[in-house]
């Protein structure tokens, strides 16, 4: 795909999906503001496998949906 998009465009086009972004544009807090969409899927593992196969130099994986309240996020 490799289309440059803003985070708002990504969130509206790929609702409740995992998105692999190459060369992410970030702010000073490293919040993703946009970038080149390489892959997207409802299946997180599929997106991670694609990231391993493509091996982008700089990338981010984001989830565009709402996390359930009982979800723990490990960084």
Protein backbone atom coordinates (compact mmCIF):
# COMPACT_ATOMS: atom_id res chain seq x y z
CA UNK A 1 0.00 0.00 0.00
CA UNK A 2 2.66 2.55 1.14
CA UNK A 3 0.41 5.60 1.11
CA UNK A 4 1.39 8.66 3.20
CA UNK A 5 -1.51 9.46 5.53
CA UNK A 6 -2.23 11.51 8.63
CA UNK A 7 -3.28 9.74 11.83
CA UNK A 8 -6.86 11.01 11.38
CA UNK A 9 -6.99 9.52 7.86
CA UNK A 10 -5.57 6.23 9.15
CA UNK A 11 -8.08 6.05 12.00
CA UNK A 12 -11.05 6.81 9.74
CA UNK A 13 -10.05 4.43 6.95
CA UNK A 14 -8.90 1.51 9.12
CA UNK A 15 -11.37 1.53 12.02
CA UNK A 16 -10.55 -1.01 14.75
CA UNK A 17 -7.54 -2.41 12.87
CA UNK A 18 -3.84 -2.86 13.52
CA UNK A 19 -1.78 -0.69 11.17
CA UNK A 20 1.92 -0.95 10.26
CA UNK A 21 3.35 2.50 9.53
CA UNK A 22 6.77 3.10 7.96
CA UNK A 23 8.75 6.27 8.66
CA UNK A 24 6.18 7.50 11.19
CA UNK A 25 5.85 11.23 11.76
CA UNK A 26 5.89 11.79 15.52
CA UNK A 27 5.71 14.65 17.98
CA UNK A 28 8.14 15.29 20.86
CA UNK A 29 6.33 12.62 22.93
CA UNK A 30 6.70 10.06 20.09
CA UNK A 31 2.96 10.08 19.46
CA UNK A 32 2.38 8.90 15.90
CA UNK A 33 0.97 11.72 13.73
CA UNK A 34 1.06 9.88 10.41
CA UNK A 35 3.30 8.05 7.96
CA UNK A 36 3.31 5.52 5.14
CA UNK A 37 0.80 2.72 5.66
CA UNK A 38 2.48 -0.56 4.76
CA UNK A 39 -0.13 -3.02 5.97
CA UNK A 40 -3.34 -3.22 8.02
CA UNK A 41 -5.47 -6.00 9.42
CA UNK A 42 -7.92 -6.88 12.18
CA UNK A 43 -5.38 -9.58 13.14
CA UNK A 44 -2.48 -8.14 15.15
CA UNK A 45 -0.24 -11.15 14.52
CA UNK A 46 -0.65 -10.78 10.76
CA UNK A 47 0.58 -7.18 10.97
CA UNK A 48 3.59 -8.23 13.07
CA UNK A 49 4.43 -11.02 10.59
CA UNK A 50 4.29 -8.47 7.76
CA UNK A 51 6.61 -6.15 9.70
CA UNK A 52 9.10 -9.01 10.11
CA UNK A 53 8.96 -9.86 6.41
CA UNK A 54 9.25 -6.24 5.20
CA UNK A 55 11.84 -5.19 7.83
CA UNK A 56 11.25 -1.42 7.58
CA UNK A 57 14.08 0.71 9.03
CA UNK A 58 11.69 2.87 11.10
CA UNK A 59 8.16 1.75 11.86
CA UNK A 60 5.27 1.85 14.28
CA UNK A 61 2.31 -0.43 14.84
CA UNK A 62 -0.86 1.21 16.08
CA UNK A 63 -4.37 0.03 16.91
CA UNK A 64 -7.13 2.35 15.72
CA UNK A 65 -9.92 0.96 17.89
CA UNK A 66 -10.79 1.39 21.53
CA UNK A 67 -8.99 -0.93 23.94
CA UNK A 68 -11.22 -2.75 26.44
CA UNK A 69 -10.98 -1.36 29.99
CA UNK A 70 -9.33 -4.53 31.35
CA UNK A 71 -6.51 -4.49 28.75
CA UNK A 72 -2.93 -4.15 29.96
CA UNK A 73 -0.41 -2.57 27.58
CA UNK A 74 3.25 -3.57 27.93
CA UNK A 75 5.84 -1.31 26.30
